[in-house]
Amino acid sequence: YVVAEEGADLARIENEIKTMPKYFSDYDTTVNFIS
């Protein structure tokens, strides 16, 4: 669950999370943007 800055590139943030080595790249990861 992620709170992003106004106007931030959400697709980029989601991709950075899902491809982060050691933390997320080896897992099925779901990203939800919320307030």
PDB file of all heavy atoms in Angstrom:
ATOM      1  N   TYR A   1       0.871  -1.176   0.000  1.00  0.00           N
ATOM      2  CA  TYR A   1       0.000   0.000   0.000  1.00  0.00           C
ATOM      3  C   TYR A   1       0.906   1.223   0.000  1.00  0.00           C
ATOM      4  O   TYR A   1       1.726   1.393   0.911  1.00  0.00           O
ATOM      5  CB  TYR A   1      -0.922  -0.008   1.211  1.00  0.00           C
ATOM      6  CG  TYR A   1      -1.937  -1.141   1.174  1.00  0.00           C
ATOM      7  CD1 TYR A   1      -1.660  -2.362   1.776  1.00  0.00           C
ATOM      8  CD2 TYR A   1      -3.145  -0.985   0.500  1.00  0.00           C
ATOM      9  CE1 TYR A   1      -2.571  -3.402   1.724  1.00  0.00           C
ATOM     10  CE2 TYR A   1      -4.063  -2.022   0.442  1.00  0.00           C
ATOM     11  CZ  TYR A   1      -3.771  -3.231   1.048  1.00  0.00           C
ATOM     12  OH  TYR A   1      -4.679  -4.256   0.987  1.00  0.00           O
ATOM     13  N   VAL A   2       0.753   2.066  -1.025  1.00  0.00           N
ATOM     14  CA  VAL A   2       1.709   3.142  -1.272  1.00  0.00           C
ATOM     15  C   VAL A   2       0.993   4.489  -1.367  1.00  0.00           C
ATOM     16  O   VAL A   2      -0.023   4.619  -2.057  1.00  0.00           O
ATOM     17  CB  VAL A   2       2.489   2.878  -2.581  1.00  0.00           C
ATOM     18  CG1 VAL A   2       3.498   3.992  -2.836  1.00  0.00           C
ATOM     19  CG2 VAL A   2       3.193   1.523  -2.522  1.00  0.00           C
ATOM     20  N   VAL A   3       1.536   5.475  -0.659  1.00  0.00           N
ATOM     21  CA  VAL A   3       1.093   6.867  -0.787  1.00  0.00           C
ATOM     22  C   VAL A   3       2.131   7.580  -1.647  1.00  0.00           C
ATOM     23  O   VAL A   3       3.300   7.676  -1.263  1.00  0.00           O
ATOM     24  CB  VAL A   3       0.968   7.559   0.576  1.00  0.00           C
ATOM     25  CG1 VAL A   3       0.508   9.005   0.398  1.00  0.00           C
ATOM     26  CG2 VAL A   3       0.021   6.785   1.493  1.00  0.00           C
ATOM     27  N   ALA A   4       1.696   8.071  -2.810  1.00  0.00           N
ATOM     28  CA  ALA A   4       2.616   8.712  -3.745  1.00  0.00           C
ATOM     29  C   ALA A   4       2.451  10.231  -3.703  1.00  0.00           C
ATOM     30  O   ALA A   4       1.382  10.753  -3.352  1.00  0.00           O
ATOM     31  CB  ALA A   4       2.370   8.205  -5.160  1.00  0.00           C
ATOM     32  N   GLU A   5       3.521  10.919  -4.071  1.00  0.00           N
ATOM     33  CA  GLU A   5       3.438  12.375  -4.204  1.00  0.00           C
ATOM     34  C   GLU A   5       2.464  12.736  -5.321  1.00  0.00           C
ATOM     35  O   GLU A   5       2.300  11.978  -6.285  1.00  0.00           O
ATOM     36  CB  GLU A   5       4.820  12.949  -4.548  1.00  0.00           C
ATOM     37  CG  GLU A   5       5.846  12.821  -3.450  1.00  0.00           C
ATOM     38  CD  GLU A   5       7.204  13.344  -3.886  1.00  0.00           C
ATOM     39  OE1 GLU A   5       7.319  13.801  -5.055  1.00  0.00           O
ATOM     40  OE2 GLU A   5       8.152  13.285  -3.075  1.00  0.00           O
ATOM     41  N   GLU A   6       1.829  13.872  -5.177  1.00  0.00           N
ATOM     42  CA  GLU A   6       0.908  14.334  -6.216  1.00  0.00           C
ATOM     43  C   GLU A   6       1.677  14.510  -7.527  1.00  0.00           C
ATOM     44  O   GLU A   6       2.732  15.145  -7.569  1.00  0.00           O
ATOM     45  CB  GLU A   6       0.254  15.655  -5.805  1.00  0.00           C
ATOM     46  CG  GLU A   6      -0.872  16.084  -6.724  1.00  0.00           C
ATOM     47  CD  GLU A   6      -1.621  17.303  -6.190  1.00  0.00           C
ATOM     48  OE1 GLU A   6      -1.476  17.617  -4.989  1.00  0.00           O
ATOM     49  OE2 GLU A   6      -2.336  17.929  -6.980  1.00  0.00           O
ATOM     50  N   GLY A   7       1.157  13.918  -8.596  1.00  0.00           N
ATOM     51  CA  GLY A   7       1.788  14.035  -9.901  1.00  0.00           C
ATOM     52  C   GLY A   7       2.903  13.040 -10.149  1.00  0.00           C
ATOM     53  O   GLY A   7       3.518  13.059 -11.227  1.00  0.00           O
ATOM     54  N   ALA A   8       3.192  12.163  -9.195  1.00  0.00           N
ATOM     55  CA  ALA A   8       4.261  11.177  -9.379  1.00  0.00           C
ATOM     56  C   ALA A   8       3.880  10.159 -10.449  1.00  0.00           C
ATOM     57  O   ALA A   8       2.697   9.900 -10.703  1.00  0.00           O
ATOM     58  CB  ALA A   8       4.555  10.473  -8.053  1.00  0.00           C
ATOM     59  N   ASP A   9       4.876   9.578 -11.073  1.00  0.00           N
ATOM     60  CA  ASP A   9       4.672   8.561 -12.108  1.00  0.00           C
ATOM     61  C   ASP A   9       4.379   7.220 -11.417  1.00  0.00           C
ATOM     62  O   ASP A   9       5.298   6.511 -10.993  1.00  0.00           O
ATOM     63  CB  ASP A   9       5.935   8.472 -12.972  1.00  0.00           C
ATOM     64  CG  ASP A   9       5.769   7.518 -14.156  1.00  0.00           C
ATOM     65  OD1 ASP A   9       4.844   6.691 -14.134  1.00  0.00           O
ATOM     66  OD2 ASP A   9       6.588   7.609 -15.097  1.00  0.00           O
ATOM     67  N   LEU A  10       3.107   6.885 -11.338  1.00  0.00           N
ATOM     68  CA  LEU A  10       2.705   5.686 -10.595  1.00  0.00           C
ATOM     69  C   LEU A  10       3.208   4.413 -11.266  1.00  0.00           C
ATOM     70  O   LEU A  10       3.577   3.448 -10.588  1.00  0.00           O
ATOM     71  CB  LEU A  10       1.184   5.643 -10.443  1.00  0.00           C
ATOM     72  CG  LEU A  10       0.534   6.853  -9.753  1.00  0.00           C
ATOM     73  CD1 LEU A  10      -0.953   6.580  -9.514  1.00  0.00           C
ATOM     74  CD2 LEU A  10       1.228   7.185  -8.436  1.00  0.00           C
ATOM     75  N   ALA A  11       3.208   4.397 -12.588  1.00  0.00           N
ATOM     76  CA  ALA A  11       3.683   3.209 -13.311  1.00  0.00           C
ATOM     77  C   ALA A  11       5.155   2.954 -13.027  1.00  0.00           C
ATOM     78  O   ALA A  11       5.584   1.807 -12.834  1.00  0.00           O
ATOM     79  CB  ALA A  11       3.446   3.377 -14.810  1.00  0.00           C
ATOM     80  N   ARG A  12       5.952   4.033 -12.979  1.00  0.00           N
ATOM     81  CA  ARG A  12       7.373   3.883 -12.665  1.00  0.00           C
ATOM     82  C   ARG A  12       7.578   3.356 -11.248  1.00  0.00           C
ATOM     83  O   ARG A  12       8.391   2.451 -11.011  1.00  0.00           O
ATOM     84  CB  ARG A  12       8.102   5.224 -12.824  1.00  0.00           C
ATOM     85  CG  ARG A  12       9.574   5.168 -12.371  1.00  0.00           C
ATOM     86  CD  ARG A  12      10.232   6.538 -12.331  1.00  0.00           C
ATOM     87  NE  ARG A  12       9.559   7.479 -11.466  1.00  0.00           N
ATOM     88  CZ  ARG A  12       9.676   7.509 -10.137  1.00  0.00           C
ATOM     89  NH1 ARG A  12      10.412   6.599  -9.509  1.00  0.00           N
ATOM     90  NH2 ARG A  12       9.044   8.422  -9.423  1.00  0.00           N
ATOM     91  N   ILE A  13       6.833   3.927 -10.288  1.00  0.00           N
ATOM     92  CA  ILE A  13       6.956   3.484  -8.899  1.00  0.00           C
ATOM     93  C   ILE A  13       6.597   2.006  -8.773  1.00  0.00           C
ATOM     94  O   ILE A  13       7.310   1.219  -8.140  1.00  0.00           O
ATOM     95  CB  ILE A  13       6.065   4.346  -7.977  1.00  0.00           C
ATOM     96  CG1 ILE A  13       6.612   5.779  -7.910  1.00  0.00           C
ATOM     97  CG2 ILE A  13       5.983   3.734  -6.577  1.00  0.00           C
ATOM     98  CD1 ILE A  13       5.687   6.744  -7.188  1.00  0.00           C
ATOM     99  N   GLU A  14       5.484   1.607  -9.392  1.00  0.00           N
ATOM    100  CA  GLU A  14       5.056   0.203  -9.320  1.00  0.00           C
ATOM    101  C   GLU A  14       6.107  -0.721  -9.926  1.00  0.00           C
ATOM    102  O   GLU A  14       6.428  -1.773  -9.362  1.00  0.00           O
ATOM    103  CB  GLU A  14       3.723   0.019 -10.046  1.00  0.00           C
ATOM    104  CG  GLU A  14       3.207  -1.411  -9.975  1.00  0.00           C
ATOM    105  CD  GLU A  14       1.790  -1.563 -10.506  1.00  0.00           C
ATOM    106  OE1 GLU A  14       1.144  -0.529 -10.806  1.00  0.00           O
ATOM    107  OE2 GLU A  14       1.325  -2.707 -10.606  1.00  0.00           O
ATOM    108  N   ASN A  15       6.696  -0.301 -11.048  1.00  0.00           N
ATOM    109  CA  ASN A  15       7.717  -1.129 -11.687  1.00  0.00           C
ATOM    110  C   ASN A  15       8.968  -1.223 -10.821  1.00  0.00           C
ATOM    111  O   ASN A  15       9.575  -2.300 -10.708  1.00  0.00           O
ATOM    112  CB  ASN A  15       8.070  -0.546 -13.052  1.00  0.00           C
ATOM    113  CG  ASN A  15       9.084  -1.413 -13.787  1.00  0.00           C
ATOM    114  OD1 ASN A  15       8.807  -2.558 -14.130  1.00  0.00           O
ATOM    115  ND2 ASN A  15      10.280  -0.870 -14.018  1.00  0.00           N
ATOM    116  N   GLU A  16       9.357  -0.108 -10.197  1.00  0.00           N
ATOM    117  CA  GLU A  16      10.541  -0.126  -9.326  1.00  0.00           C
ATOM    118  C   GLU A  16      10.335  -1.066  -8.139  1.00  0.00           C
ATOM    119  O   GLU A  16      11.270  -1.748  -7.706  1.00  0.00           O
ATOM    120  CB  GLU A  16      10.876   1.288  -8.845  1.00  0.00           C
ATOM    121  CG  GLU A  16      11.586   2.145  -9.875  1.00  0.00           C
ATOM    122  CD  GLU A  16      12.240   3.375  -9.253  1.00  0.00           C
ATOM    123  OE1 GLU A  16      12.786   3.258  -8.130  1.00  0.00           O
ATOM    124  OE2 GLU A  16      12.174   4.448  -9.874  1.00  0.00           O
ATOM    125  N   ILE A  17       9.120  -1.074  -7.595  1.00  0.00           N
ATOM    126  CA  ILE A  17       8.826  -1.982  -6.484  1.00  0.00           C
ATOM    127  C   ILE A  17       8.921  -3.428  -6.949  1.00  0.00           C
ATOM    128  O   ILE A  17       9.639  -4.255  -6.358  1.00  0.00           O
ATOM    129  CB  ILE A  17       7.430  -1.695  -5.890  1.00  0.00           C
ATOM    130  CG1 ILE A  17       7.395  -0.317  -5.234  1.00  0.00           C
ATOM    131  CG2 ILE A  17       7.050  -2.789  -4.885  1.00  0.00           C
ATOM    132  CD1 ILE A  17       6.003   0.131  -4.829  1.00  0.00           C
ATOM    133  N   LYS A  18       8.220  -3.758  -8.018  1.00  0.00           N
ATOM    134  CA  LYS A  18       8.110  -5.158  -8.447  1.00  0.00           C
ATOM    135  C   LYS A  18       9.427  -5.745  -8.933  1.00  0.00           C
ATOM    136  O   LYS A  18       9.620  -6.967  -8.882  1.00  0.00           O
ATOM    137  CB  LYS A  18       7.047  -5.274  -9.547  1.00  0.00           C
ATOM    138  CG  LYS A  18       5.625  -5.073  -9.038  1.00  0.00           C
ATOM    139  CD  LYS A  18       4.605  -5.301 -10.146  1.00  0.00           C
ATOM    140  CE  LYS A  18       3.189  -5.262  -9.598  1.00  0.00           C
ATOM    141  NZ  LYS A  18       2.177  -5.500 -10.650  1.00  0.00           N
ATOM    142  N   THR A  19      10.338  -4.887  -9.392  1.00  0.00           N
ATOM    143  CA  THR A  19      11.617  -5.387  -9.910  1.00  0.00           C
ATOM    144  C   THR A  19      12.769  -5.214  -8.927  1.00  0.00           C
ATOM    145  O   THR A  19      13.918  -5.506  -9.256  1.00  0.00           O
ATOM    146  CB  THR A  19      11.972  -4.666 -11.231  1.00  0.00           C
ATOM    147  OG1 THR A  19      12.048  -3.251 -10.998  1.00  0.00           O
ATOM    148  CG2 THR A  19      10.930  -4.957 -12.306  1.00  0.00           C
ATOM    149  N   MET A  20      12.480  -4.764  -7.697  1.00  0.00           N
ATOM    150  CA  MET A  20      13.538  -4.526  -6.719  1.00  0.00           C
ATOM    151  C   MET A  20      14.186  -5.848  -6.299  1.00  0.00           C
ATOM    152  O   MET A  20      13.517  -6.712  -5.731  1.00  0.00           O
ATOM    153  CB  MET A  20      12.965  -3.807  -5.497  1.00  0.00           C
ATOM    154  CG  MET A  20      14.025  -3.271  -4.549  1.00  0.00           C
ATOM    155  SD  MET A  20      13.288  -2.525  -3.051  1.00  0.00           S
ATOM    156  CE  MET A  20      12.376  -1.150  -3.759  1.00  0.00           C
ATOM    157  N   PRO A  21      15.490  -6.025  -6.577  1.00  0.00           N
ATOM    158  CA  PRO A  21      16.137  -7.295  -6.213  1.00  0.00           C
ATOM    159  C   PRO A  21      16.188  -7.487  -4.701  1.00  0.00           C
ATOM    160  O   PRO A  21      16.237  -6.532  -3.938  1.00  0.00           O
ATOM    161  CB  PRO A  21      17.545  -7.160  -6.813  1.00  0.00           C
ATOM    162  CG  PRO A  21      17.760  -5.697  -6.998  1.00  0.00           C
ATOM    163  CD  PRO A  21      16.415  -5.087  -7.231  1.00  0.00           C
ATOM    164  N   LYS A  22      16.165  -8.755  -4.276  1.00  0.00           N
ATOM    165  CA  LYS A  22      16.216  -9.204  -2.879  1.00  0.00           C
ATOM    166  C   LYS A  22      14.921  -8.931  -2.120  1.00  0.00           C
ATOM    167  O   LYS A  22      14.599  -9.638  -1.172  1.00  0.00           O
ATOM    168  CB  LYS A  22      17.389  -8.564  -2.117  1.00  0.00           C
ATOM    169  CG  LYS A  22      18.762  -8.957  -2.631  1.00  0.00           C
ATOM    170  CD  LYS A  22      19.856  -8.380  -1.752  1.00  0.00           C
ATOM    171  CE  LYS A  22      21.234  -8.757  -2.267  1.00  0.00           C
ATOM    172  NZ  LYS A  22      22.314  -8.195  -1.435  1.00  0.00           N
ATOM    173  N   TYR A  23      14.166  -7.898  -2.524  1.00  0.00           N
ATOM    174  CA  TYR A  23      12.958  -7.546  -1.789  1.00  0.00           C
ATOM    175  C   TYR A  23      11.680  -8.048  -2.481  1.00  0.00           C
ATOM    176  O   TYR A  23      10.830  -8.663  -1.852  1.00  0.00           O
ATOM    177  CB  TYR A  23      12.880  -6.030  -1.606  1.00  0.00           C
ATOM    178  CG  TYR A  23      13.825  -5.496  -0.552  1.00  0.00           C
ATOM    179  CD1 TYR A  23      15.133  -5.146  -0.883  1.00  0.00           C
ATOM    180  CD2 TYR A  23      13.423  -5.357   0.767  1.00  0.00           C
ATOM    181  CE1 TYR A  23      16.012  -4.662   0.085  1.00  0.00           C
ATOM    182  CE2 TYR A  23      14.292  -4.873   1.738  1.00  0.00           C
ATOM    183  CZ  TYR A  23      15.580  -4.532   1.390  1.00  0.00           C
ATOM    184  OH  TYR A  23      16.442  -4.061   2.344  1.00  0.00           O
ATOM    185  N   PHE A  24      11.540  -7.777  -3.782  1.00  0.00           N
ATOM    186  CA  PHE A  24      10.266  -8.049  -4.449  1.00  0.00           C
ATOM    187  C   PHE A  24      10.371  -8.851  -5.742  1.00  0.00           C
ATOM    188  O   PHE A  24       9.385  -9.439  -6.168  1.00  0.00           O
ATOM    189  CB  PHE A  24       9.552  -6.722  -4.754  1.00  0.00           C
ATOM    190  CG  PHE A  24       9.181  -5.945  -3.526  1.00  0.00           C
ATOM    191  CD1 PHE A  24       9.947  -4.876  -3.100  1.00  0.00           C
ATOM    192  CD2 PHE A  24       8.065  -6.293  -2.767  1.00  0.00           C
ATOM    193  CE1 PHE A  24       9.621  -4.159  -1.963  1.00  0.00           C
ATOM    194  CE2 PHE A  24       7.728  -5.590  -1.624  1.00  0.00           C
ATOM    195  CZ  PHE A  24       8.500  -4.523  -1.218  1.00  0.00           C
ATOM    196  N   SER A  25      11.530  -8.870  -6.373  1.00  0.00           N
ATOM    197  CA  SER A  25      11.614  -9.447  -7.718  1.00  0.00           C
ATOM    198  C   SER A  25      11.308 -10.943  -7.751  1.00  0.00           C
ATOM    199  O   SER A  25      10.881 -11.464  -8.787  1.00  0.00           O
ATOM    200  CB  SER A  25      12.998  -9.182  -8.323  1.00  0.00           C
ATOM    201  OG  SER A  25      14.024  -9.725  -7.516  1.00  0.00           O
ATOM    202  N   ASP A  26      11.499 -11.643  -6.645  1.00  0.00           N
ATOM    203  CA  ASP A  26      11.252 -13.092  -6.614  1.00  0.00           C
ATOM    204  C   ASP A  26       9.840 -13.453  -6.162  1.00  0.00           C
ATOM    205  O   ASP A  26       9.549 -14.638  -5.948  1.00  0.00           O
ATOM    206  CB  ASP A  26      12.261 -13.777  -5.680  1.00  0.00           C
ATOM    207  CG  ASP A  26      13.678 -13.708  -6.219  1.00  0.00           C
ATOM    208  OD1 ASP A  26      13.838 -13.590  -7.446  1.00  0.00           O
ATOM    209  OD2 ASP A  26      14.627 -13.747  -5.406  1.00  0.00           O
ATOM    210  N   TYR A  27       8.980 -12.447  -6.012  1.00  0.00           N
ATOM    211  CA  TYR A  27       7.636 -12.682  -5.474  1.00  0.00           C
ATOM    212  C   TYR A  27       6.573 -12.109  -6.399  1.00  0.00           C
ATOM    213  O   TYR A  27       6.804 -11.131  -7.115  1.00  0.00           O
ATOM    214  CB  TYR A  27       7.477 -12.009  -4.100  1.00  0.00           C
ATOM    215  CG  TYR A  27       8.434 -12.499  -3.051  1.00  0.00           C
ATOM    216  CD1 TYR A  27       9.707 -11.955  -2.943  1.00  0.00           C
ATOM    217  CD2 TYR A  27       8.063 -13.495  -2.155  1.00  0.00           C
ATOM    218  CE1 TYR A  27      10.605 -12.397  -1.978  1.00  0.00           C
ATOM    219  CE2 TYR A  27       8.946 -13.939  -1.181  1.00  0.00           C
ATOM    220  CZ  TYR A  27      10.216 -13.396  -1.095  1.00  0.00           C
ATOM    221  OH  TYR A  27      11.084 -13.835  -0.141  1.00  0.00           O
ATOM    222  N   ASP A  28       5.382 -12.702  -6.350  1.00  0.00           N
ATOM    223  CA  ASP A  28       4.219 -12.066  -6.962  1.00  0.00           C
ATOM    224  C   ASP A  28       3.824 -10.906  -6.058  1.00  0.00           C
ATOM    225  O   ASP A  28       3.491 -11.109  -4.879  1.00  0.00           O
ATOM    226  CB  ASP A  28       3.062 -13.064  -7.099  1.00  0.00           C
ATOM    227  CG  ASP A  28       3.332 -14.110  -8.167  1.00  0.00           C
ATOM    228  OD1 ASP A  28       4.152 -13.833  -9.071  1.00  0.00           O
ATOM    229  OD2 ASP A  28       2.734 -15.205  -8.098  1.00  0.00           O
ATOM    230  N   THR A  29       3.881  -9.691  -6.586  1.00  0.00           N
ATOM    231  CA  THR A  29       3.705  -8.480  -5.789  1.00  0.00           C
ATOM    232  C   THR A  29       2.541  -7.658  -6.313  1.00  0.00           C
ATOM    233  O   THR A  29       2.441  -7.413  -7.518  1.00  0.00           O
ATOM    234  CB  THR A  29       4.994  -7.621  -5.809  1.00  0.00           C
ATOM    235  OG1 THR A  29       6.079  -8.404  -5.281  1.00  0.00           O
ATOM    236  CG2 THR A  29       4.830  -6.364  -4.994  1.00  0.00           C
ATOM    237  N   THR A  30       1.660  -7.246  -5.412  1.00  0.00           N
ATOM    238  CA  THR A  30       0.531  -6.382  -5.756  1.00  0.00           C
ATOM    239  C   THR A  30       0.765  -5.011  -5.132  1.00  0.00           C
ATOM    240  O   THR A  30       1.073  -4.908  -3.941  1.00  0.00           O
ATOM    241  CB  THR A  30      -0.791  -6.966  -5.216  1.00  0.00           C
ATOM    242  OG1 THR A  30      -0.979  -8.280  -5.756  1.00  0.00           O
ATOM    243  CG2 THR A  30      -1.974  -6.088  -5.611  1.00  0.00           C
ATOM    244  N   VAL A  31       0.613  -3.948  -5.943  1.00  0.00           N
ATOM    245  CA  VAL A  31       0.819  -2.575  -5.482  1.00  0.00           C
ATOM    246  C   VAL A  31      -0.493  -1.817  -5.552  1.00  0.00           C
ATOM    247  O   VAL A  31      -1.123  -1.745  -6.615  1.00  0.00           O
ATOM    248  CB  VAL A  31       1.895  -1.856  -6.320  1.00  0.00           C
ATOM    249  CG1 VAL A  31       2.072  -0.415  -5.832  1.00  0.00           C
ATOM    250  CG2 VAL A  31       3.228  -2.615  -6.252  1.00  0.00           C
ATOM    251  N   ASN A  32      -0.929  -1.280  -4.406  1.00  0.00           N
ATOM    252  CA  ASN A  32      -2.144  -0.468  -4.341  1.00  0.00           C
ATOM    253  C   ASN A  32      -1.762   0.954  -3.927  1.00  0.00           C
ATOM    254  O   ASN A  32      -1.103   1.143  -2.901  1.00  0.00           O
ATOM    255  CB  ASN A  32      -3.127  -1.043  -3.306  1.00  0.00           C
ATOM    256  CG  ASN A  32      -3.577  -2.441  -3.657  1.00  0.00           C
ATOM    257  OD1 ASN A  32      -4.165  -2.667  -4.696  1.00  0.00           O
ATOM    258  ND2 ASN A  32      -3.288  -3.395  -2.776  1.00  0.00           N
ATOM    259  N   PHE A  33      -2.189   1.944  -4.714  1.00  0.00           N
ATOM    260  CA  PHE A  33      -1.944   3.340  -4.364  1.00  0.00           C
ATOM    261  C   PHE A  33      -3.157   3.882  -3.607  1.00  0.00           C
ATOM    262  O   PHE A  33      -4.295   3.766  -4.073  1.00  0.00           O
ATOM    263  CB  PHE A  33      -1.686   4.169  -5.631  1.00  0.00           C
ATOM    264  CG  PHE A  33      -0.370   3.847  -6.277  1.00  0.00           C
ATOM    265  CD1 PHE A  33      -0.311   2.969  -7.354  1.00  0.00           C
ATOM    266  CD2 PHE A  33       0.812   4.386  -5.789  1.00  0.00           C
ATOM    267  CE1 PHE A  33       0.909   2.654  -7.943  1.00  0.00           C
ATOM    268  CE2 PHE A  33       2.035   4.073  -6.372  1.00  0.00           C
ATOM    269  CZ  PHE A  33       2.087   3.203  -7.459  1.00  0.00           C
ATOM    270  N   ILE A  34      -2.910   4.421  -2.411  1.00  0.00           N
ATOM    271  CA  ILE A  34      -3.986   4.926  -1.565  1.00  0.00           C
ATOM    272  C   ILE A  34      -3.569   6.284  -0.987  1.00  0.00           C
ATOM    273  O   ILE A  34      -2.429   6.707  -1.125  1.00  0.00           O
ATOM    274  CB  ILE A  34      -4.325   3.939  -0.421  1.00  0.00           C
ATOM    275  CG1 ILE A  34      -3.101   3.716   0.494  1.00  0.00           C
ATOM    276  CG2 ILE A  34      -4.843   2.610  -0.971  1.00  0.00           C
ATOM    277  CD1 ILE A  34      -3.408   2.862   1.715  1.00  0.00           C
ATOM    278  N   SER A  35      -4.513   6.926  -0.311  1.00  0.00           N
ATOM    279  CA  SER A  35      -4.221   8.232   0.303  1.00  0.00           C
ATOM    280  C   SER A  35      -3.538   8.043   1.652  1.00  0.00           C
ATOM    281  O   SER A  35      -3.596   6.957   2.255  1.00  0.00           O
ATOM    282  CB  SER A  35      -5.513   9.022   0.499  1.00  0.00           C
ATOM    283  OG  SER A  35      -6.319   8.396   1.489  1.00  0.00           O
TER     284      SER A  35
END
